[in-house]
Amino acid sequence: MNSRAVQESIDTEEPWKAGRRVYLIVTCLVIVLLVVAIDATVLVPAFPTIAKDLHGSTSEAFWTGTSYLLTSSTFQPVLGALSAAFGRRSVFIASIILFTAGTLICCLAQNFPILLLGRTVQGIGSGGIITSNLVIITDVVPLRQRARYYAITQVSLVGGMIAGPLIGGAVAQYSSTWRWLFYINFPFCVAGLVTAPWMIRVDEDHTPALQRSNIRTVFGGIDWVGFGMFIASTVSFLIAITWGGHDYAWSAYQTLLPLLLGLAGIAVTMVWEFKYTKQPFIRPDMLRSRSLLTAYVCTCLQGLLLYAHIFYLALYLIGMQGKSPLLAGVYLLPIFGGLILASGSTGFALTHFGVWHWAVWIGWAINTLASGILMLLVADTSTAAEVFIFLTLGLGQGVLLISHNLAVQAIATEADVAYATTFYAFMRSVGFCLGIAIGGTIFENRLSILLRDTSLPPSYAQNIETYILEFVNQDSSGGVDAAIKEQVLVAFGKSLTFFFQIMTGISALGFLISLTITGHHSLDQKRMAPDEMTTNRASRGASEEEGTARPDAATKVE
């Protein structure tokens, strides 16, 4: 659609309808996002197999999963900002190439350093894919209608995370080699690389800086110093919280030094972004908005709860009920079912009513209820009860996935909406990392205390996620006394209950924080032609806290 037609559409406030191009874009995004999500959790059931085959430790196997999350989280804001300079499609395709290259490295790895390198490269590509997914929909779909399309893509994201352990368990149990965990990525990668160049056509809605200036000017205008400080600081911080309570004690210098350096680096990066750079990728207006910061905190807590619940519910099914990793993945599917139902319903309701506060509050209320009833899980809990509990958890998370995303975009100014969306993805991914780090610390510390009553060392708790299936399946002939086995399983169950108690408290905190998001930030906002955006940047942020509606970047797509 040319600019004159766009302007006529805007002037007449003609209702927006999705065309063929939007459907093709969403299809391509879903295909690639699914494999990225699967890779986030697929290795967990295969840790023992990988460690044995590559002659490594359980700690090294653990880092094959963690390195992926760390790099994916860290590079999301950076790659989101680069897409403004080089184009959404270019960054999306480059991210698929990186993910594919990382997958190939993992397939060929003969030792853990090479496997970790492959997972790191995969993680960078994953970060770009996740960010591009959100920003591209922001470019081509008006705010009020976005909820429906985000429901589709976010269901793909969480569905992949839940399917990961199921696929990983099947490969670990039936495949001749763990490398099939990576071989299965290639069909998705090829599909993405073949379809993206002609399906992802959004640069006419968002003109890259590279098309408006020469390459030297574009490179010179990128905040490379800010990028470098942010990446180094975030990696240092996330490594510290991952090491804490697992590889090293929280009081050890190996944890405290990178933690303090990371926090100090993040603070310096914020000062740089506020005062010294001409092209900040962390927009000052975003950090001046109390409502937006509150939404980001809620997003981080939601990510923490989602990842921690999926991970430790799988441990519950394996450790408390003796299910195989494959069957544990099947039992987690009601979470996915609840998420599909809630995401679709919430997307429809948000589009219909045009307001979002109610969805955030209801989502946190349901999520807190679900976290609370998780404390009722015991070894002999019936399948029907588990289905109900897991379904309720999926409902709460499904509402929050859509409502948080739309809240961030409604609160942000027009000029900052793409950056705000990118930072939303970053905060959610940081929450995923915190879910593993904090969840592991809570569970393992509690289990270590309770194991003091057995002959097993407290350090056993640090590797419980790796050895629990092998331990549960052992009998006295395998070297484990029946009485000790019973004591360990009791301690395991009590530790899980304690873990769910803490998660319930965190969810309740998220609910209370969400109540402080104030202001009238409507989803009914006038659409703006793409060439009007630049001329309106000077006024961005002036009306945000008063709740004045900002123009939206999307135009009608034929």
Protein backbone atom coordinates (compact mmCIF):
# COMPACT_ATOMS: atom_id res chain seq x y z
CA MET A 1 0.00 0.00 0.00
CA ASN A 2 1.48 3.41 -0.97
CA SER A 3 1.65 6.36 1.44
CA ARG A 4 -1.33 8.13 -0.15
CA ALA A 5 -3.52 5.07 0.29
CA VAL A 6 -2.27 4.68 3.82
CA GLN A 7 -3.18 8.25 4.60
CA GLU A 8 -6.64 7.87 3.09
CA SER A 9 -7.18 4.73 5.18
CA ILE A 10 -6.13 6.60 8.28
CA ASP A 11 -8.25 9.66 7.53
CA THR A 12 -11.38 7.56 7.05
CA GLU A 13 -10.57 5.33 10.08
CA GLU A 14 -11.33 2.34 7.90
CA PRO A 15 -11.50 -0.91 9.95
CA TRP A 16 -8.31 -2.93 9.82
CA LYS A 17 -8.44 -6.40 8.34
CA ALA A 18 -5.64 -8.91 8.12
CA GLY A 19 -4.67 -9.85 4.60
CA ARG A 20 -2.76 -12.74 3.08
CA ARG A 21 0.57 -11.15 3.90
CA VAL A 22 -0.13 -11.05 7.63
CA TYR A 23 -1.14 -14.72 7.64
CA LEU A 24 2.06 -15.68 5.81
CA ILE A 25 4.17 -13.67 8.24
CA VAL A 26 2.55 -15.25 11.29
CA THR A 27 2.94 -18.74 9.80
CA CYS A 28 6.65 -18.24 9.23
CA LEU A 29 7.14 -16.80 12.72
CA VAL A 30 5.34 -19.70 14.37
CA ILE A 31 7.43 -22.33 12.54
CA VAL A 32 10.75 -20.84 13.59
CA LEU A 33 9.66 -19.84 17.09
CA LEU A 34 8.51 -23.39 17.83
CA VAL A 35 11.96 -24.95 17.32
CA VAL A 36 13.63 -22.16 19.32
CA ALA A 37 11.29 -22.85 22.24
CA ILE A 38 11.81 -26.61 22.04
CA ASP A 39 15.57 -26.15 22.26
CA ALA A 40 15.20 -24.21 25.51
CA THR A 41 14.11 -27.34 27.41
CA VAL A 42 14.81 -30.34 25.20
CA LEU A 43 18.19 -31.23 26.74
CA VAL A 44 17.01 -31.61 30.35
CA PRO A 45 16.03 -35.33 30.18
CA ALA A 46 19.22 -36.11 28.22
CA PHE A 47 21.75 -34.56 30.64
CA PRO A 48 23.00 -37.94 31.98
CA THR A 49 23.32 -39.39 28.46
CA ILE A 50 25.23 -36.38 27.14
CA ALA A 51 27.53 -36.27 30.18
CA LYS A 52 28.36 -39.96 29.79
CA ASP A 53 28.96 -39.83 26.04
CA LEU A 54 31.20 -36.74 26.15
CA HIS A 55 32.99 -37.84 29.34
CA GLY A 56 31.92 -34.71 31.19
CA SER A 57 30.42 -33.79 34.53
CA THR A 58 26.80 -33.12 35.38
CA SER A 59 27.73 -29.46 35.87
CA GLU A 60 28.98 -29.27 32.27
CA ALA A 61 25.81 -30.94 31.04
CA PHE A 62 23.75 -28.43 33.03
CA TRP A 63 25.60 -25.57 31.32
CA THR A 64 24.64 -26.83 27.88
CA GLY A 65 21.10 -25.79 28.79
CA THR A 66 21.98 -22.66 30.73
CA SER A 67 24.33 -21.16 28.12
CA TYR A 68 21.45 -21.17 25.63
CA LEU A 69 19.18 -19.20 27.95
CA LEU A 70 21.92 -16.76 28.98
CA THR A 71 22.88 -15.72 25.47
CA SER A 72 19.29 -15.69 24.24
CA SER A 73 18.29 -13.30 27.03
CA THR A 74 21.32 -11.04 26.73
CA PHE A 75 21.19 -10.44 22.99
CA GLN A 76 17.47 -9.77 22.66
CA PRO A 77 17.57 -5.97 23.26
CA VAL A 78 20.69 -5.62 21.12
CA LEU A 79 19.27 -7.50 18.13
CA GLY A 80 15.97 -5.70 18.50
CA ALA A 81 17.77 -2.36 18.22
CA LEU A 82 19.83 -3.57 15.25
CA SER A 83 16.63 -4.47 13.40
CA ALA A 84 15.76 -0.76 13.35
CA ALA A 85 18.98 -0.07 11.47
CA PHE A 86 19.23 -3.06 9.15
CA GLY A 87 15.60 -4.10 8.80
CA ARG A 88 13.37 -6.61 10.56
CA ARG A 89 13.66 -9.23 7.82
CA SER A 90 17.46 -8.99 7.63
CA VAL A 91 17.92 -9.50 11.37
CA PHE A 92 15.33 -12.30 11.43
CA ILE A 93 17.07 -14.21 8.62
CA ALA A 94 20.50 -13.61 10.16
CA SER A 95 19.18 -14.98 13.45
CA ILE A 96 17.90 -18.15 11.74
CA ILE A 97 21.33 -18.58 10.12
CA LEU A 98 23.03 -18.23 13.51
CA PHE A 99 20.64 -20.72 15.10
CA THR A 100 21.24 -23.18 12.25
CA ALA A 101 25.03 -22.76 12.51
CA GLY A 102 24.86 -23.37 16.26
CA THR A 103 22.78 -26.49 15.68
CA LEU A 104 25.37 -27.81 13.23
CA ILE A 105 28.18 -27.20 15.72
CA CYS A 106 26.23 -29.10 18.40
CA CYS A 107 25.70 -32.04 16.03
CA LEU A 108 29.42 -32.27 15.33
CA ALA A 109 30.62 -31.67 18.91
CA GLN A 110 32.95 -34.31 20.35
CA ASN A 111 33.55 -32.56 23.68
CA PHE A 112 31.78 -30.13 25.99
CA PRO A 113 33.65 -26.93 25.01
CA ILE A 114 32.49 -27.34 21.39
CA LEU A 115 28.97 -28.27 22.50
CA LEU A 116 28.84 -25.17 24.70
CA LEU A 117 30.05 -23.06 21.77
CA GLY A 118 27.26 -24.43 19.62
CA ARG A 119 24.64 -23.78 22.29
CA THR A 120 25.94 -20.22 22.72
CA VAL A 121 25.64 -19.51 19.00
CA GLN A 122 22.18 -21.10 19.04
CA GLY A 123 21.23 -18.83 21.93
CA ILE A 124 22.23 -15.67 20.07
CA GLY A 125 20.11 -16.74 17.11
CA SER A 126 17.27 -17.62 19.45
CA GLY A 127 17.35 -14.14 20.98
CA GLY A 128 17.03 -12.54 17.57
CA ILE A 129 14.18 -14.84 16.54
CA ILE A 130 12.18 -14.19 19.73
CA THR A 131 12.67 -10.43 19.47
CA SER A 132 11.89 -10.31 15.75
CA ASN A 133 8.73 -12.30 16.38
CA LEU A 134 7.32 -9.65 18.68
CA VAL A 135 8.55 -6.59 16.79
CA ILE A 136 7.40 -7.77 13.37
CA ILE A 137 3.84 -8.25 14.60
CA THR A 138 4.07 -4.78 16.16
CA ASP A 139 4.94 -3.41 12.72
CA VAL A 140 2.12 -5.02 10.73
CA VAL A 141 -0.83 -5.34 13.13
CA PRO A 142 -2.59 -2.45 14.94
CA LEU A 143 -2.41 -2.53 18.74
CA ARG A 144 -6.02 -3.50 19.42
CA GLN A 145 -5.85 -6.48 17.05
CA ARG A 146 -2.39 -7.69 18.13
CA ALA A 147 -3.66 -9.80 21.02
CA ARG A 148 -5.09 -12.40 18.63
CA TYR A 149 -1.84 -12.80 16.74
CA TYR A 150 0.34 -12.75 19.84
CA ALA A 151 -1.87 -15.52 21.21
CA ILE A 152 -0.85 -17.71 18.27
CA THR A 153 2.88 -17.03 18.49
CA GLN A 154 3.11 -17.15 22.27
CA VAL A 155 1.25 -20.47 22.36
CA SER A 156 3.92 -21.70 19.97
CA LEU A 157 6.63 -20.45 22.36
CA VAL A 158 5.26 -22.04 25.53
CA GLY A 159 4.06 -25.13 23.68
CA GLY A 160 7.61 -25.68 22.49
CA MET A 161 8.96 -25.27 26.01
CA ILE A 162 6.53 -27.90 27.30
CA ALA A 163 7.13 -30.21 24.34
CA GLY A 164 10.90 -29.97 24.84
CA PRO A 165 11.15 -32.43 27.75
CA LEU A 166 8.70 -34.73 25.97
CA ILE A 167 10.85 -34.81 22.84
CA GLY A 168 14.06 -34.98 24.87
CA GLY A 169 12.72 -37.88 26.88
CA ALA A 170 11.72 -39.77 23.75
CA VAL A 171 15.15 -39.25 22.18
CA ALA A 172 16.96 -40.24 25.39
CA GLN A 173 14.81 -43.35 25.76
CA TYR A 174 14.55 -44.63 22.18
CA SER A 175 17.19 -43.00 20.00
CA SER A 176 20.64 -44.42 19.28
CA THR A 177 22.30 -41.03 19.88
CA TRP A 178 21.51 -37.83 21.76
CA ARG A 179 22.50 -35.88 18.62
CA TRP A 180 18.96 -36.42 17.37
CA LEU A 181 18.07 -33.66 19.83
CA PHE A 182 19.71 -31.33 17.32
CA TYR A 183 19.07 -33.18 14.05
CA ILE A 184 15.34 -32.50 14.45
CA ASN A 185 16.03 -28.75 14.25
CA PHE A 186 17.13 -28.79 10.62
CA PRO A 187 13.70 -29.18 8.96
CA PHE A 188 12.44 -26.14 10.90
CA CYS A 189 15.58 -24.15 10.10
CA VAL A 190 15.37 -24.97 6.40
CA ALA A 191 11.67 -24.09 6.34
CA GLY A 192 12.44 -20.75 7.99
CA LEU A 193 15.32 -19.91 5.66
CA VAL A 194 13.28 -20.81 2.57
CA THR A 195 10.08 -19.00 3.55
CA ALA A 196 11.36 -15.94 5.43
CA PRO A 197 12.76 -14.01 2.42
CA TRP A 198 9.37 -13.89 0.69
CA MET A 199 6.97 -14.24 3.65
CA ILE A 200 8.53 -11.66 6.00
CA ARG A 201 7.85 -8.50 4.02
CA VAL A 202 7.61 -5.75 6.63
CA ASP A 203 10.32 -3.25 5.70
CA GLU A 204 7.82 -1.18 3.74
CA ASP A 205 6.01 -0.67 7.08
CA HIS A 206 9.25 -0.05 8.96
CA THR A 207 11.92 1.62 6.82
CA PRO A 208 15.39 0.53 8.01
CA ALA A 209 17.92 3.25 8.67
CA LEU A 210 20.18 1.54 6.12
CA GLN A 211 17.73 2.52 3.36
CA ARG A 212 17.69 6.14 4.51
CA SER A 213 21.45 6.66 4.95
CA ASN A 214 24.75 5.25 3.78
CA ILE A 215 26.26 2.32 5.62
CA ARG A 216 28.97 4.42 7.31
CA THR A 217 26.37 6.74 8.80
CA VAL A 218 24.27 3.81 9.98
CA PHE A 219 27.19 2.03 11.63
CA GLY A 220 28.36 5.27 13.19
CA GLY A 221 24.92 5.92 14.65
CA ILE A 222 24.65 2.54 16.37
CA ASP A 223 25.34 2.54 20.11
CA TRP A 224 28.16 -0.01 20.02
CA VAL A 225 29.54 1.11 23.40
CA GLY A 226 26.14 0.64 25.02
CA PHE A 227 25.74 -2.75 23.35
CA GLY A 228 29.13 -3.91 24.63
CA MET A 229 28.55 -2.75 28.20
CA PHE A 230 25.06 -4.21 28.29
CA ILE A 231 26.12 -7.63 26.97
CA ALA A 232 29.12 -7.91 29.31
CA SER A 233 27.17 -6.75 32.36
CA THR A 234 24.12 -8.92 31.71
CA VAL A 235 26.20 -12.04 31.06
CA SER A 236 28.17 -11.43 34.27
CA PHE A 237 24.97 -10.99 36.29
CA LEU A 238 23.19 -14.03 34.83
CA ILE A 239 26.26 -16.26 35.24
CA ALA A 240 26.44 -15.26 38.90
CA ILE A 241 22.80 -16.09 39.67
CA THR A 242 23.21 -19.38 37.79
CA TRP A 243 26.34 -20.33 39.74
CA GLY A 244 24.90 -19.25 43.09
CA GLY A 245 23.77 -22.17 45.21
CA HIS A 246 24.64 -24.67 42.48
CA ASP A 247 28.28 -24.53 41.42
CA TYR A 248 29.33 -22.23 44.26
CA ALA A 249 27.83 -20.92 47.50
CA TRP A 250 26.10 -17.56 47.31
CA SER A 251 28.71 -16.17 49.70
CA ALA A 252 31.66 -17.42 47.61
CA TYR A 253 33.72 -14.88 45.69
CA GLN A 254 33.10 -16.86 42.50
CA THR A 255 29.43 -15.84 42.84
CA LEU A 256 29.72 -12.42 44.45
CA LEU A 257 32.38 -10.99 42.12
CA PRO A 258 30.51 -11.48 38.81
CA LEU A 259 27.24 -10.55 40.53
CA LEU A 260 28.58 -7.20 41.76
CA LEU A 261 30.43 -6.51 38.52
CA GLY A 262 27.26 -7.27 36.57
CA LEU A 263 25.09 -4.98 38.69
CA ALA A 264 27.67 -2.19 38.56
CA GLY A 265 27.99 -2.62 34.80
CA ILE A 266 24.22 -2.45 34.33
CA ALA A 267 24.13 0.76 36.37
CA VAL A 268 26.92 2.29 34.25
CA THR A 269 25.09 1.21 31.09
CA MET A 270 21.93 2.99 32.25
CA VAL A 271 23.89 6.20 32.89
CA TRP A 272 25.45 5.93 29.45
CA GLU A 273 22.07 5.38 27.80
CA PHE A 274 20.51 8.32 29.65
CA LYS A 275 23.23 10.94 29.30
CA TYR A 276 25.89 10.21 26.72
CA THR A 277 24.74 8.26 23.68
CA LYS A 278 22.79 9.89 20.86
CA GLN A 279 20.99 6.71 19.84
CA PRO A 280 20.07 4.81 23.03
CA PHE A 281 18.70 1.31 22.56
CA ILE A 282 17.30 1.49 26.11
CA ARG A 283 15.04 4.49 25.72
CA PRO A 284 15.00 6.94 28.67
CA ASP A 285 11.26 7.46 28.31
CA MET A 286 10.72 3.77 29.00
CA LEU A 287 12.58 3.93 32.30
CA ARG A 288 10.85 7.15 33.40
CA SER A 289 7.42 5.53 33.25
CA ARG A 290 6.48 3.96 36.58
CA SER A 291 3.65 1.97 34.99
CA LEU A 292 5.96 0.57 32.32
CA LEU A 293 8.63 -0.39 34.85
CA THR A 294 5.97 -2.10 36.94
CA ALA A 295 4.79 -4.05 33.90
CA TYR A 296 8.37 -5.16 33.29
CA VAL A 297 8.74 -6.38 36.87
CA CYS A 298 5.53 -8.37 36.52
CA THR A 299 6.77 -9.82 33.23
CA CYS A 300 10.03 -10.96 34.86
CA LEU A 301 8.14 -12.60 37.73
CA GLN A 302 5.81 -14.33 35.27
CA GLY A 303 8.79 -15.74 33.33
CA LEU A 304 10.35 -16.94 36.58
CA LEU A 305 7.17 -18.75 37.62
CA LEU A 306 6.50 -20.26 34.19
CA TYR A 307 9.95 -21.80 33.78
CA ALA A 308 10.31 -22.87 37.41
CA HIS A 309 6.89 -24.55 37.45
CA ILE A 310 7.48 -26.47 34.22
CA PHE A 311 10.93 -27.63 35.35
CA TYR A 312 9.96 -28.72 38.87
CA LEU A 313 6.63 -30.22 37.93
CA ALA A 314 8.58 -32.51 35.61
CA LEU A 315 10.80 -33.41 38.59
CA TYR A 316 7.67 -34.08 40.68
CA LEU A 317 6.31 -36.50 38.09
CA ILE A 318 9.66 -38.28 37.74
CA GLY A 319 10.72 -38.29 41.38
CA MET A 320 7.43 -38.59 43.26
CA GLN A 321 5.45 -40.74 40.83
CA GLY A 322 8.26 -42.63 39.13
CA LYS A 323 7.23 -41.69 35.61
CA SER A 324 9.68 -41.75 32.72
CA PRO A 325 10.79 -38.41 31.24
CA LEU A 326 8.65 -39.16 28.19
CA LEU A 327 5.52 -39.86 30.24
CA ALA A 328 6.22 -36.82 32.44
CA GLY A 329 6.12 -34.69 29.30
CA VAL A 330 2.74 -36.16 28.39
CA TYR A 331 1.36 -35.37 31.85
CA LEU A 332 2.41 -31.72 31.46
CA LEU A 333 0.29 -31.26 28.33
CA PRO A 334 -2.75 -29.93 30.29
CA ILE A 335 -0.64 -26.82 31.00
CA PHE A 336 -0.40 -26.34 27.25
CA GLY A 337 -4.13 -26.96 26.86
CA GLY A 338 -4.98 -24.34 29.47
CA LEU A 339 -2.58 -21.91 27.88
CA ILE A 340 -4.15 -22.31 24.44
CA LEU A 341 -7.64 -21.81 25.85
CA ALA A 342 -6.68 -18.77 27.94
CA SER A 343 -4.51 -17.11 25.27
CA GLY A 344 -7.19 -17.41 22.60
CA SER A 345 -9.97 -16.21 24.88
CA THR A 346 -7.91 -13.34 26.26
CA GLY A 347 -6.83 -12.23 22.78
CA PHE A 348 -10.45 -12.16 21.60
CA ALA A 349 -11.63 -10.29 24.73
CA LEU A 350 -8.85 -7.68 24.56
CA THR A 351 -9.63 -6.98 20.93
CA HIS A 352 -13.35 -6.73 21.66
CA PHE A 353 -13.23 -4.51 24.77
CA GLY A 354 -10.09 -2.49 24.03
CA VAL A 355 -8.86 -2.40 27.66
CA TRP A 356 -6.29 -4.66 29.31
CA HIS A 357 -5.97 -3.95 33.07
CA TRP A 358 -8.59 -6.53 33.98
CA ALA A 359 -6.69 -9.27 32.13
CA VAL A 360 -3.46 -8.62 34.04
CA TRP A 361 -5.25 -8.77 37.38
CA ILE A 362 -7.30 -11.87 36.54
CA GLY A 363 -4.21 -13.59 35.17
CA TRP A 364 -2.25 -13.03 38.36
CA ALA A 365 -5.20 -14.12 40.52
CA ILE A 366 -5.55 -17.41 38.61
CA ASN A 367 -1.80 -17.97 38.58
CA THR A 368 -1.58 -17.44 42.35
CA LEU A 369 -4.47 -19.85 42.92
CA ALA A 370 -2.78 -22.45 40.72
CA SER A 371 0.55 -22.01 42.51
CA GLY A 372 -1.20 -22.50 45.83
CA ILE A 373 -2.93 -25.73 44.90
CA LEU A 374 0.36 -27.13 43.58
CA MET A 375 1.25 -27.53 47.27
CA LEU A 376 -1.38 -30.29 47.44
CA LEU A 377 0.59 -32.54 45.08
CA VAL A 378 1.80 -35.77 46.72
CA ALA A 379 3.00 -39.15 45.50
CA ASP A 380 -0.50 -40.62 45.22
CA THR A 381 -2.28 -37.60 43.72
CA SER A 382 -4.76 -38.85 41.13
CA THR A 383 -4.36 -38.18 37.45
CA ALA A 384 -7.67 -36.30 37.37
CA ALA A 385 -6.48 -33.95 40.13
CA GLU A 386 -3.19 -33.36 38.34
CA VAL A 387 -4.97 -32.54 35.09
CA PHE A 388 -7.16 -29.99 36.89
CA ILE A 389 -4.21 -28.38 38.68
CA PHE A 390 -2.00 -28.24 35.59
CA LEU A 391 -4.88 -26.91 33.48
CA THR A 392 -5.47 -24.11 36.01
CA LEU A 393 -1.79 -23.20 35.90
CA GLY A 394 -1.93 -23.02 32.10
CA LEU A 395 -4.99 -20.76 32.25
CA GLY A 396 -3.23 -18.24 34.49
CA GLN A 397 -0.06 -18.20 32.43
CA GLY A 398 -2.01 -17.93 29.17
CA VAL A 399 -3.83 -14.80 30.31
CA LEU A 400 -0.58 -13.20 31.53
CA LEU A 401 1.39 -13.96 28.37
CA ILE A 402 -1.01 -11.91 26.26
CA SER A 403 -1.99 -9.18 28.73
CA HIS A 404 1.57 -8.28 29.80
CA ASN A 405 2.68 -7.92 26.20
CA LEU A 406 -0.24 -5.68 25.29
CA ALA A 407 0.15 -3.67 28.51
CA VAL A 408 3.76 -2.80 27.67
CA GLN A 409 2.82 -1.68 24.17
CA ALA A 410 -0.18 0.35 25.33
CA ILE A 411 1.87 2.20 27.97
CA ALA A 412 4.91 2.91 25.77
CA THR A 413 5.03 5.94 23.49
CA GLU A 414 4.61 5.50 19.74
CA ALA A 415 8.29 6.09 18.98
CA ASP A 416 9.43 3.58 21.60
CA VAL A 417 6.95 0.76 21.10
CA ALA A 418 9.38 -1.54 19.24
CA TYR A 419 12.10 -0.96 21.85
CA ALA A 420 9.59 -1.47 24.67
CA THR A 421 8.44 -4.75 23.10
CA THR A 422 12.03 -5.93 22.77
CA PHE A 423 12.69 -5.12 26.42
CA TYR A 424 9.55 -7.05 27.34
CA ALA A 425 11.02 -10.14 25.68
CA PHE A 426 14.30 -9.54 27.51
CA MET A 427 12.65 -9.25 30.93
CA ARG A 428 10.64 -12.40 30.35
CA SER A 429 13.79 -14.30 29.36
CA VAL A 430 15.62 -12.99 32.43
CA GLY A 431 12.70 -14.41 34.39
CA PHE A 432 13.32 -17.80 32.75
CA CYS A 433 16.95 -17.68 33.95
CA LEU A 434 15.86 -16.63 37.44
CA GLY A 435 13.34 -19.46 37.51
CA ILE A 436 16.11 -22.01 37.13
CA ALA A 437 18.61 -20.19 39.38
CA ILE A 438 16.33 -19.17 42.25
CA GLY A 439 14.16 -22.27 41.95
CA GLY A 440 17.24 -24.48 42.09
CA THR A 441 18.62 -22.68 45.12
CA ILE A 442 15.33 -22.94 47.03
CA PHE A 443 14.76 -26.60 46.22
CA GLU A 444 18.33 -27.82 46.59
CA ASN A 445 19.01 -25.98 49.86
CA ARG A 446 15.83 -27.38 51.40
CA LEU A 447 16.64 -30.88 50.18
CA SER A 448 20.21 -30.64 51.50
CA ILE A 449 18.88 -29.86 54.98
CA LEU A 450 16.43 -32.75 54.91
CA LEU A 451 19.03 -35.22 53.57
CA ARG A 452 21.09 -34.81 56.73
CA ASP A 453 18.89 -37.48 58.28
CA THR A 454 20.03 -40.04 55.69
CA SER A 455 23.40 -41.56 54.90
CA LEU A 456 23.52 -39.69 51.60
CA PRO A 457 25.61 -36.51 51.50
CA PRO A 458 23.79 -33.14 51.28
CA SER A 459 25.70 -32.47 48.05
CA TYR A 460 23.46 -35.12 46.45
CA ALA A 461 20.77 -32.44 46.25
CA GLN A 462 22.80 -30.38 43.80
CA ASN A 463 22.48 -33.08 41.13
CA ILE A 464 19.02 -34.32 42.02
CA GLU A 465 17.53 -33.35 38.64
CA THR A 466 20.09 -35.57 36.92
CA TYR A 467 19.96 -38.64 39.16
CA ILE A 468 16.42 -38.77 40.50
CA LEU A 469 15.07 -41.11 37.78
CA GLU A 470 17.96 -43.53 38.19
CA PHE A 471 17.57 -43.44 41.98
CA VAL A 472 13.80 -43.99 41.95
CA ASN A 473 14.15 -47.04 39.71
CA GLN A 474 16.80 -48.66 41.91
CA ASP A 475 15.94 -51.31 44.45
CA SER A 476 17.99 -52.70 47.33
CA SER A 477 19.89 -54.92 44.92
CA GLY A 478 21.13 -51.77 43.22
CA GLY A 479 22.96 -50.66 46.32
CA VAL A 480 20.28 -48.41 47.81
CA ASP A 481 18.72 -49.50 51.09
CA ALA A 482 14.91 -49.45 51.00
CA ALA A 483 14.71 -47.36 54.20
CA ILE A 484 17.14 -44.78 52.83
CA LYS A 485 15.24 -44.67 49.57
CA GLU A 486 12.02 -43.98 51.44
CA GLN A 487 13.69 -41.20 53.46
CA VAL A 488 15.06 -39.56 50.33
CA LEU A 489 11.69 -39.64 48.58
CA VAL A 490 10.00 -38.13 51.64
CA ALA A 491 12.64 -35.39 51.73
CA PHE A 492 12.17 -34.88 47.99
CA GLY A 493 8.41 -34.44 48.44
CA LYS A 494 8.79 -32.01 51.35
CA SER A 495 11.31 -29.98 49.37
CA LEU A 496 8.90 -29.71 46.44
CA THR A 497 6.09 -28.59 48.75
CA PHE A 498 8.37 -25.93 50.22
CA PHE A 499 9.35 -24.85 46.70
CA PHE A 500 5.70 -24.45 45.67
CA GLN A 501 5.04 -22.43 48.83
CA ILE A 502 7.75 -19.96 47.85
CA MET A 503 6.45 -19.80 44.27
CA THR A 504 2.96 -19.05 45.61
CA GLY A 505 4.40 -16.17 47.61
CA ILE A 506 6.18 -14.82 44.50
CA SER A 507 2.96 -15.10 42.50
CA ALA A 508 1.02 -13.25 45.21
CA LEU A 509 3.70 -10.54 45.12
CA GLY A 510 3.24 -10.28 41.35
CA PHE A 511 -0.52 -9.88 41.83
CA LEU A 512 -0.04 -7.06 44.36
CA ILE A 513 2.50 -5.29 42.14
CA SER A 514 0.16 -5.52 39.15
CA LEU A 515 -2.49 -3.59 41.06
CA THR A 516 -0.18 -0.54 41.04
CA ILE A 517 -0.20 -0.23 37.24
CA THR A 518 -2.31 2.90 36.85
CA GLY A 519 -3.42 5.25 34.11
CA HIS A 520 -5.80 4.94 31.19
CA HIS A 521 -3.73 3.29 28.46
CA SER A 522 -6.29 2.26 25.87
CA LEU A 523 -5.81 -0.24 23.07
CA ASP A 524 -7.99 2.04 20.92
CA GLN A 525 -5.36 4.25 19.39
CA LYS A 526 -5.26 6.12 16.13
CA ARG A 527 -3.15 4.48 13.48
CA MET A 528 -0.29 6.45 11.98
CA ALA A 529 1.29 6.24 8.58
CA PRO A 530 4.89 5.03 8.64
CA ASP A 531 6.32 8.28 7.25
CA GLU A 532 4.72 10.25 10.10
CA MET A 533 6.67 8.44 12.83
CA THR A 534 9.92 10.30 12.51
CA THR A 535 8.29 13.75 12.60
CA ASN A 536 6.49 12.85 15.82
CA ARG A 537 9.51 11.55 17.77
CA ALA A 538 10.10 14.93 19.40
CA SER A 539 6.81 14.70 21.26
CA ARG A 540 7.22 11.14 22.49
CA GLY A 541 6.68 10.56 26.18
CA ALA A 542 4.94 13.89 26.86
CA SER A 543 1.54 12.36 27.45
CA GLU A 544 2.42 8.81 28.49
CA GLU A 545 1.96 9.07 32.23
CA GLU A 546 -1.28 11.06 31.78
CA GLY A 547 -2.64 8.13 29.78
CA THR A 548 -3.04 9.98 26.46
CA ALA A 549 -3.30 7.54 23.62
CA ARG A 550 -0.21 7.38 21.40
CA PRO A 551 -0.47 6.82 17.67
CA ASP A 552 0.17 3.29 16.54
CA ALA A 553 2.71 2.31 13.93
CA ALA A 554 0.72 -0.31 12.08
CA THR A 555 -1.09 0.33 8.84
CA LYS A 556 -3.60 -1.66 6.93
CA VAL A 557 -1.98 -4.65 5.23
CA GLU A 558 -3.52 -5.97 2.07
